[in-house]
Amino acid sequence: MKRLWVIVLLALGCQRPPPDGKIHITYWEKWSGREADAMQQVVDQFNRSQDRIHVEFLSTSAVDRKTLVATAGGDPPDVAGLWVPNIYSFADNNALTPLDDFIRAEGYSLEAWAARYVPVYMQMVEYKGRYYGLPATPATTALHWNKRMFREAGLDPERPPRTVAELDEFAEKLTRRDPRTGAIVQLGFLPQE
């Protein structure tokens, strides 16, 4: 399963008058702890690197729900780090600003701009022919298997499962229970998402 977090511009964002002559951008992100600290450093470095735009970073839980509520209330962040599935429902409800006009204003064709990124990630942020986000932290989930445990369960250690049905079958063979209590002592598969 592929997971991708994206950064999107919201429909009502980027409209606040700058009190100090700078463009002020509010940026909400789902990260916390070290990830939030790292993003704060990126934002601080950006703010120091120029004097035209100031980004105000906020690390918040449930960023998708809070962004939707803030958008409905007329005071959304200018930029939010959301998940790919949020793009479709937010776009359908006019809660996102397509990036296409911004891309063209920078002198890129949409094709040339998209070619700068891994194609599958750009496909994930394109909806109804328009781009609504940028890949921020793309990830791919992989299946790792313990060959020793496969051998002990009578499975071929050089052949991982190839279908979900096989994964279920292998997981059952790999799962071990305490014969006295029935408690699981070895779990054949533990999905992370």
Foldseek 3Di string as FASTA:
>chain_A
DKWFKWKFFWQLEQPDDDPVQAREFEEEEQDDDPVLVVVVVVLVVVCVVDPRYHYHYDHDHPQLVVQVVCLVVSHHTRMYTGILVSLVVCVVVRGGDFCQVVCVVVVDHPVRVCVVDDVVVQVSQADPNTGGTDTDDIDDDDDDDDLVLCVVLVHHSVDDDDDVVVLVVQQVSSWDADVVPRHTPTGSDDDPD
